[in-house]
Amino acid sequence: MTARAVRAGNTNALRHGVYAEAAVRADVLDEASLLFARAPWLDRVRDGVLVEATARLVVRLRRLDTILETEPTQTLASLAYRLESQLLRNLDALGLTPTAAARLGLATLDAQAKASALVDAQLSKYRATGVAGEDE
């Protein structure tokens, strides 16, 4: 094996299969945007790397599920298990699991935000109809 072969690696794997980065780049960015939309407490600078890694795991698992339907092997099943385990760890770190949300107090923050939105909605209805006696 030459140094060039080691440096070049398996370029075929970069274009096809579960680890194909170039083929899924747009899907990863879309999934990362969805993760940020689902979790407004995430910061794009602070959490961006972990969100992108999580999005990549989601996309890889989807591709792997498709491959497993047509070509079920022990190696691919083992890879799926490892990727799912890592995905759950990432989601937990981002506060996107129920347990993590409770641990981080995000459920309380979400309830407070919903209550505040409800109060604002009621106030805007009240202001739109006007206060009795103001016209006089």
Protein backbone atom coordinates (compact mmCIF):
# COMPACT_ATOMS: atom_id res chain seq x y z
CA MET A 1 0.00 0.00 0.00
CA THR A 2 1.47 3.31 -1.00
CA ALA A 3 1.35 6.55 0.94
CA ARG A 4 -0.83 8.00 -1.79
CA ALA A 5 -3.42 5.23 -1.36
CA VAL A 6 -3.54 5.83 2.40
CA ARG A 7 -3.90 9.57 1.93
CA ALA A 8 -6.54 9.22 -0.78
CA GLY A 9 -8.64 6.74 1.17
CA ASN A 10 -11.72 5.14 -0.26
CA THR A 11 -13.23 7.98 -2.25
CA ASN A 12 -16.06 5.72 -3.41
CA ALA A 13 -17.34 5.60 0.17
CA LEU A 14 -17.49 9.38 0.23
CA ARG A 15 -19.95 9.42 -2.69
CA HIS A 16 -22.11 6.37 -1.93
CA GLY A 17 -23.34 4.56 1.13
CA VAL A 18 -24.03 5.49 4.72
CA TYR A 19 -20.97 7.71 5.16
CA ALA A 20 -21.42 9.69 1.93
CA GLU A 21 -20.89 13.27 3.07
CA ALA A 22 -21.17 15.07 -0.24
CA ALA A 23 -24.46 13.43 -1.14
CA VAL A 24 -26.19 14.36 2.13
CA ARG A 25 -24.84 17.83 2.82
CA ALA A 26 -28.13 19.57 1.98
CA ASP A 27 -30.12 17.08 4.07
CA VAL A 28 -27.81 17.65 7.04
CA LEU A 29 -28.26 21.42 6.82
CA ASP A 30 -32.05 21.01 6.59
CA GLU A 31 -32.10 18.70 9.60
CA ALA A 32 -29.87 21.08 11.58
CA SER A 33 -32.29 23.94 10.82
CA LEU A 34 -35.17 21.78 12.08
CA LEU A 35 -33.28 21.01 15.29
CA PHE A 36 -32.67 24.71 15.91
CA ALA A 37 -36.35 25.43 15.22
CA ARG A 38 -37.47 22.73 17.67
CA ALA A 39 -35.16 24.00 20.40
CA PRO A 40 -35.06 27.81 20.67
CA TRP A 41 -32.72 27.60 23.68
CA LEU A 42 -29.89 26.34 21.44
CA ASP A 43 -27.28 28.86 20.39
CA ARG A 44 -25.98 28.60 16.82
CA VAL A 45 -22.40 29.40 17.89
CA ARG A 46 -22.21 27.44 21.13
CA ASP A 47 -24.24 24.40 20.06
CA GLY A 48 -23.72 24.49 16.30
CA VAL A 49 -21.16 21.69 16.11
CA LEU A 50 -23.23 19.31 18.22
CA VAL A 51 -26.42 20.19 16.33
CA GLU A 52 -24.70 19.52 13.01
CA ALA A 53 -23.30 16.21 14.29
CA THR A 54 -26.78 15.25 15.49
CA ALA A 55 -28.31 16.20 12.15
CA ARG A 56 -25.67 14.10 10.38
CA LEU A 57 -26.59 11.13 12.58
CA VAL A 58 -30.29 11.52 11.75
CA VAL A 59 -29.55 11.62 8.02
CA ARG A 60 -27.19 8.65 8.23
CA LEU A 61 -29.75 6.61 10.13
CA ARG A 62 -32.38 7.35 7.50
CA ARG A 63 -30.00 6.24 4.74
CA LEU A 64 -29.02 3.19 6.74
CA ASP A 65 -32.66 2.21 7.28
CA THR A 66 -33.17 2.30 3.52
CA ILE A 67 -30.09 0.16 2.94
CA LEU A 68 -31.09 -2.29 5.68
CA GLU A 69 -34.46 -2.87 4.02
CA THR A 70 -32.79 -4.12 0.85
CA GLU A 71 -29.58 -5.59 2.27
CA PRO A 72 -29.88 -6.62 5.95
CA THR A 73 -26.52 -7.64 7.34
CA GLN A 74 -25.15 -8.02 10.84
CA THR A 75 -22.57 -5.29 10.17
CA LEU A 76 -25.20 -2.76 9.09
CA ALA A 77 -27.49 -3.68 12.00
CA SER A 78 -24.59 -3.17 14.40
CA LEU A 79 -23.80 0.19 12.79
CA ALA A 80 -27.45 1.23 13.14
CA TYR A 81 -27.40 0.34 16.84
CA ARG A 82 -24.22 2.38 17.42
CA LEU A 83 -25.59 5.37 15.49
CA GLU A 84 -28.89 5.27 17.39
CA SER A 85 -27.05 5.15 20.71
CA GLN A 86 -24.94 8.16 19.72
CA LEU A 87 -28.03 10.01 18.48
CA LEU A 88 -29.77 9.53 21.83
CA ARG A 89 -26.67 10.80 23.67
CA ASN A 90 -26.54 13.87 21.42
CA LEU A 91 -30.26 14.58 21.81
CA ASP A 92 -29.88 14.26 25.56
CA ALA A 93 -26.96 16.70 25.56
CA LEU A 94 -29.00 19.20 23.55
CA GLY A 95 -31.99 18.93 25.90
CA LEU A 96 -34.19 17.34 23.23
CA THR A 97 -35.33 14.31 25.22
CA PRO A 98 -38.07 14.50 27.88
CA THR A 99 -35.62 13.53 30.63
CA ALA A 100 -33.05 16.10 29.56
CA ALA A 101 -35.70 18.81 29.24
CA ALA A 102 -36.90 18.11 32.78
CA ARG A 103 -33.33 18.02 34.09
CA LEU A 104 -32.53 21.35 32.45
CA GLY A 105 -35.82 22.94 33.50
CA LEU A 106 -36.87 23.44 29.88
CA ALA A 107 -40.37 22.08 30.50
CA THR A 108 -40.92 24.83 33.06
CA LEU A 109 -39.58 27.46 30.69
CA ASP A 110 -41.84 26.17 27.92
CA ALA A 111 -44.89 26.28 30.21
CA GLN A 112 -44.02 29.83 31.26
CA ALA A 113 -43.62 30.91 27.63
CA LYS A 114 -46.99 29.41 26.71
CA ALA A 115 -48.68 31.09 29.69
CA SER A 116 -47.11 34.41 28.74
CA ALA A 117 -48.28 34.02 25.14
CA LEU A 118 -51.80 33.25 26.36
CA VAL A 119 -51.84 36.35 28.58
CA ASP A 120 -50.57 38.48 25.67
CA ALA A 121 -53.29 37.08 23.41
CA GLN A 122 -55.99 37.86 25.97
CA LEU A 123 -54.63 41.36 26.50
CA SER A 124 -54.60 42.06 22.77
CA LYS A 125 -58.24 40.93 22.52
CA TYR A 126 -59.11 43.18 25.46
CA ARG A 127 -57.31 46.14 23.92
CA ALA A 128 -58.96 45.54 20.54
CA THR A 129 -62.46 45.61 22.01
CA GLY A 130 -61.69 48.59 24.22
CA VAL A 131 -62.48 49.24 27.83
CA ALA A 132 -66.11 50.00 28.73
CA GLY A 133 -66.63 53.69 29.31
CA GLU A 134 -63.60 54.89 27.35
CA ASP A 135 -65.71 56.27 24.49
CA GLU A 136 -67.65 58.60 26.78
